[in-house]
Amino acid sequence: MPESVPLSSPANGLPSATAIEVKDLSFAWTSGKIALDRCSLSVPRGEFWMLLGTNGSGKSTLLSLIAGLLTPQSGTIDIHGGLGIVFQNPDCQLVMPTVGADIAFGLVAEKLTPSQVRHRVTEALSAVNLADLIRRPIYALSGGQKQRVAIAGAIARQIEVILFDEPTALLDPDAQLDLVAQVRDLVKSRGLTALWVTHRLEELDYCDGAFLIEHGQLVDRGEPERMRQRLMKEVGNY
């Protein structure tokens, strides 16, 4: 039987300086293929970290486990604060016809008053510079705008930890860098914590640190520039 994976608060012992703590996480698909093998990492609270690795390395599987979309065979995951995720394709999570309605839909479970909902929606859209598009149909948005609406949805729910699963994969180069810069600014200005899956080395310019996963194991972590140099050297050896 899989072990339980607690989503924790500071009361259960998770250090307040840590937002995400993953210990000895292992996961295998039903085919028997091992995706993660005793993987451990820690994301500092209030920082923007990236998760690097080649296709099939296990990085997206790890993100899905942290998000609770998959259940590990062993290991623990501790989260400090509310958790949200932004997917590679924003169409997978935008469900209402307009920008404002989509963000308001995510607040239904909180049973807020209409004025509280309007305040949350307006404030969240202002945070991602989309306040003027509150009535814009979702279908009329660009890919980058859709990703920012997804981020605004997390902000409106007052999420403290946001996971990003290759959110720039479907965007053009200019929109890619605009989005990663906006997330960096949100992390710093709002005290959020972000873990961002990518394979684009230019995105390392915007983060506080990075993890490298190979064959389901964490093999390195550290300063963005050092990680970039390591990856460039490895690629140059082929």
Protein backbone atom coordinates (compact mmCIF):
# COMPACT_ATOMS: atom_id res chain seq x y z
CA MET A 1 0.00 0.00 0.00
CA PRO A 2 1.31 3.49 -0.77
CA GLU A 3 2.34 5.58 2.20
CA SER A 4 0.28 8.65 3.03
CA VAL A 5 1.70 11.95 1.87
CA PRO A 6 0.94 14.68 4.41
CA LEU A 7 0.37 18.27 3.34
CA SER A 8 1.72 20.05 6.36
CA SER A 9 1.58 23.32 8.20
CA PRO A 10 4.26 24.72 10.53
CA ALA A 11 2.49 23.02 13.45
CA ASN A 12 3.72 19.59 12.39
CA GLY A 13 7.37 20.52 12.43
CA LEU A 14 8.09 21.84 8.93
CA PRO A 15 10.62 24.68 9.31
CA SER A 16 9.06 28.04 8.51
CA ALA A 17 12.03 28.82 6.24
CA THR A 18 11.05 25.89 3.98
CA ALA A 19 8.02 25.94 1.69
CA ILE A 20 8.37 22.48 0.08
CA GLU A 21 10.15 19.52 1.66
CA VAL A 22 10.38 16.25 -0.31
CA LYS A 23 12.09 13.28 1.37
CA ASP A 24 13.03 9.94 -0.19
CA LEU A 25 10.23 10.05 -2.73
CA SER A 26 9.85 7.01 -4.98
CA PHE A 27 7.33 6.40 -7.74
CA ALA A 28 6.92 3.73 -10.42
CA TRP A 29 4.36 3.51 -13.20
CA THR A 30 2.06 0.49 -13.44
CA SER A 31 4.34 -0.84 -16.19
CA GLY A 32 7.06 -1.13 -13.55
CA LYS A 33 9.16 1.69 -14.98
CA ILE A 34 10.73 3.71 -12.15
CA ALA A 35 10.13 7.45 -12.53
CA LEU A 36 11.58 8.61 -9.19
CA ASP A 37 14.02 6.81 -6.91
CA ARG A 38 14.42 8.15 -3.35
CA CYS A 39 14.34 11.76 -4.52
CA SER A 40 14.72 14.52 -1.93
CA LEU A 41 14.71 18.31 -2.23
CA SER A 42 13.86 21.42 -0.25
CA VAL A 43 12.55 24.73 -1.63
CA PRO A 44 13.20 27.80 0.56
CA ARG A 45 10.16 29.85 1.44
CA GLY A 46 9.75 33.07 -0.56
CA GLU A 47 12.10 32.00 -3.36
CA PHE A 48 11.82 31.08 -7.03
CA TRP A 49 13.47 27.74 -7.87
CA MET A 50 13.59 25.81 -11.12
CA LEU A 51 13.56 22.07 -11.73
CA LEU A 52 15.75 20.98 -14.64
CA GLY A 53 16.16 17.70 -16.47
CA THR A 54 15.91 16.07 -19.86
CA ASN A 55 12.69 14.53 -21.16
CA GLY A 56 11.93 11.44 -19.10
CA SER A 57 14.15 12.50 -16.19
CA GLY A 58 11.21 12.60 -13.77
CA LYS A 59 10.81 16.34 -13.27
CA SER A 60 7.15 16.57 -14.32
CA THR A 61 6.34 13.41 -12.38
CA LEU A 62 7.88 14.97 -9.28
CA LEU A 63 5.79 18.10 -9.77
CA SER A 64 2.63 16.00 -10.12
CA LEU A 65 3.46 14.17 -6.90
CA ILE A 66 4.01 17.43 -5.02
CA ALA A 67 0.68 18.71 -6.40
CA GLY A 68 -1.11 15.58 -5.18
CA LEU A 69 -2.05 14.46 -8.69
CA LEU A 70 -0.11 11.21 -8.20
CA THR A 71 0.56 9.09 -5.12
CA PRO A 72 4.11 7.90 -4.38
CA GLN A 73 5.02 4.37 -3.33
CA SER A 74 7.18 5.78 -0.52
CA GLY A 75 8.50 9.03 0.89
CA THR A 76 6.93 12.19 2.27
CA ILE A 77 5.92 15.61 0.93
CA ASP A 78 5.46 18.56 3.28
CA ILE A 79 3.99 21.85 2.07
CA HIS A 80 4.04 25.09 4.06
CA GLY A 81 0.97 27.05 2.99
CA GLY A 82 -1.71 26.71 0.31
CA LEU A 83 -0.64 25.04 -2.93
CA GLY A 84 -1.59 25.74 -6.56
CA ILE A 85 -0.36 24.57 -9.94
CA VAL A 86 -0.13 26.18 -13.39
CA PHE A 87 -0.06 23.65 -16.23
CA GLN A 88 1.80 23.70 -19.52
CA ASN A 89 -1.46 24.23 -21.41
CA PRO A 90 -3.65 26.82 -19.63
CA ASP A 91 -6.72 25.61 -21.52
CA CYS A 92 -6.65 22.59 -19.20
CA GLN A 93 -7.55 24.75 -16.21
CA LEU A 94 -9.51 27.75 -17.52
CA VAL A 95 -13.13 26.64 -17.45
CA MET A 96 -15.35 29.76 -17.52
CA PRO A 97 -16.14 31.97 -20.54
CA THR A 98 -14.53 35.20 -19.32
CA VAL A 99 -11.43 36.20 -17.39
CA GLY A 100 -13.23 37.54 -14.33
CA ALA A 101 -15.69 34.66 -14.18
CA ASP A 102 -12.91 32.09 -14.33
CA ILE A 103 -11.08 33.59 -11.37
CA ALA A 104 -14.32 34.02 -9.41
CA PHE A 105 -15.18 30.36 -10.06
CA GLY A 106 -12.08 29.31 -8.12
CA LEU A 107 -13.38 31.16 -5.06
CA VAL A 108 -16.77 29.40 -4.84
CA ALA A 109 -15.68 27.00 -2.10
CA GLU A 110 -14.70 29.90 0.17
CA LYS A 111 -18.30 31.19 0.37
CA LEU A 112 -17.28 34.84 0.15
CA THR A 113 -19.66 37.76 -0.25
CA PRO A 114 -20.02 39.20 -3.76
CA SER A 115 -18.01 42.27 -2.76
CA GLN A 116 -15.23 40.08 -1.36
CA VAL A 117 -15.13 38.08 -4.59
CA ARG A 118 -14.95 41.25 -6.70
CA HIS A 119 -12.10 42.56 -4.55
CA ARG A 120 -10.14 39.30 -4.80
CA VAL A 121 -10.65 39.06 -8.56
CA THR A 122 -9.69 42.69 -9.22
CA GLU A 123 -6.67 42.54 -6.94
CA ALA A 124 -5.42 39.30 -8.51
CA LEU A 125 -5.79 40.58 -12.06
CA SER A 126 -3.99 43.79 -11.14
CA ALA A 127 -1.11 41.70 -9.81
CA VAL A 128 -0.59 40.16 -13.26
CA ASN A 129 -1.36 43.39 -15.17
CA LEU A 130 -4.64 42.13 -16.63
CA ALA A 131 -7.18 44.27 -14.74
CA ASP A 132 -8.41 45.82 -18.00
CA LEU A 133 -9.30 42.37 -19.37
CA ILE A 134 -11.68 41.30 -16.61
CA ARG A 135 -14.59 40.90 -19.09
CA ARG A 136 -12.47 39.56 -21.96
CA PRO A 137 -13.55 36.13 -23.30
CA ILE A 138 -10.98 33.45 -22.57
CA TYR A 139 -10.86 32.42 -26.22
CA ALA A 140 -9.73 35.94 -27.18
CA LEU A 141 -6.60 35.81 -25.01
CA SER A 142 -3.08 35.05 -26.16
CA GLY A 143 -1.25 32.06 -24.71
CA GLY A 144 0.77 34.28 -22.38
CA GLN A 145 -2.35 36.07 -21.17
CA LYS A 146 -4.02 32.73 -20.44
CA GLN A 147 -1.06 31.68 -18.31
CA ARG A 148 -1.28 34.95 -16.39
CA VAL A 149 -5.00 34.36 -15.78
CA ALA A 150 -4.11 30.94 -14.35
CA ILE A 151 -1.56 32.62 -12.07
CA ALA A 152 -4.14 35.24 -11.07
CA GLY A 153 -6.47 32.43 -10.09
CA ALA A 154 -3.90 31.15 -7.61
CA ILE A 155 -3.30 34.65 -6.25
CA ALA A 156 -7.05 35.19 -5.77
CA ARG A 157 -7.21 31.98 -3.70
CA GLN A 158 -4.34 33.41 -1.63
CA ILE A 159 -2.08 30.51 -2.54
CA GLU A 160 1.41 30.77 -1.07
CA VAL A 161 3.19 28.04 -3.06
CA ILE A 162 2.77 27.76 -6.85
CA LEU A 163 4.04 24.93 -9.06
CA PHE A 164 4.66 25.58 -12.77
CA ASP A 165 4.83 22.66 -15.19
CA GLU A 166 6.75 24.05 -18.19
CA PRO A 167 4.38 27.03 -18.49
CA THR A 168 6.31 28.62 -21.36
CA ALA A 169 6.34 25.52 -23.58
CA LEU A 170 3.53 26.76 -25.85
CA LEU A 171 4.57 30.44 -25.93
CA ASP A 172 6.67 32.39 -28.42
CA PRO A 173 10.17 33.44 -27.23
CA ASP A 174 9.23 36.97 -26.18
CA ALA A 175 6.18 35.78 -24.23
CA GLN A 176 8.30 33.09 -22.55
CA LEU A 177 10.64 35.59 -20.98
CA ASP A 178 7.83 38.01 -20.14
CA LEU A 179 6.07 35.28 -18.16
CA VAL A 180 9.10 34.08 -16.23
CA ALA A 181 10.02 37.69 -15.38
CA GLN A 182 6.50 38.34 -14.13
CA VAL A 183 6.58 35.26 -11.91
CA ARG A 184 9.93 36.34 -10.46
CA ASP A 185 8.48 39.76 -9.66
CA LEU A 186 5.39 38.23 -8.05
CA VAL A 187 7.50 35.93 -5.90
CA LYS A 188 9.57 38.85 -4.64
CA SER A 189 6.77 41.38 -4.22
CA ARG A 190 4.18 39.06 -2.65
CA GLY A 191 6.34 36.65 -0.66
CA LEU A 192 5.30 33.64 -2.77
CA THR A 193 7.27 30.46 -3.36
CA ALA A 194 7.54 29.02 -6.87
CA LEU A 195 8.89 25.75 -8.26
CA TRP A 196 9.15 25.93 -12.06
CA VAL A 197 9.85 22.97 -14.38
CA THR A 198 11.86 23.88 -17.48
CA HIS A 199 14.57 22.78 -19.88
CA ARG A 200 15.27 26.29 -21.19
CA LEU A 201 18.62 27.52 -19.89
CA GLU A 202 17.78 31.18 -20.58
CA GLU A 203 15.04 31.00 -17.93
CA LEU A 204 17.71 30.41 -15.28
CA ASP A 205 18.44 34.15 -15.40
CA TYR A 206 15.30 34.76 -13.35
CA CYS A 207 15.42 32.24 -10.51
CA ASP A 208 17.11 32.02 -7.10
CA GLY A 209 18.37 28.49 -7.59
CA ALA A 210 17.81 25.27 -9.50
CA PHE A 211 17.59 21.51 -9.04
CA LEU A 212 18.82 18.97 -11.60
CA ILE A 213 17.12 15.59 -11.90
CA GLU A 214 18.55 12.67 -13.85
CA HIS A 215 16.99 9.21 -14.05
CA GLY A 216 14.59 9.97 -11.22
CA GLN A 217 17.19 11.20 -8.75
CA LEU A 218 18.30 14.65 -7.65
CA VAL A 219 21.93 14.91 -8.77
CA ASP A 220 22.67 18.60 -8.13
CA ARG A 221 21.26 21.85 -6.79
CA GLY A 222 22.60 25.34 -6.48
CA GLU A 223 23.17 28.76 -8.00
CA PRO A 224 21.57 29.26 -11.42
CA GLU A 225 24.80 30.21 -13.23
CA ARG A 226 26.69 27.19 -11.91
CA MET A 227 23.85 24.92 -12.98
CA ARG A 228 23.82 26.52 -16.41
CA GLN A 229 27.56 25.98 -16.84
CA ARG A 230 27.27 22.35 -15.77
CA LEU A 231 24.49 21.66 -18.25
CA MET A 232 26.29 23.45 -21.09
CA LYS A 233 29.44 21.45 -20.37
CA GLU A 234 27.51 18.17 -20.35
CA VAL A 235 25.82 19.01 -23.66
CA GLY A 236 29.20 19.93 -25.14
CA ASN A 237 30.51 16.45 -24.34
CA TYR A 238 28.11 14.86 -26.84
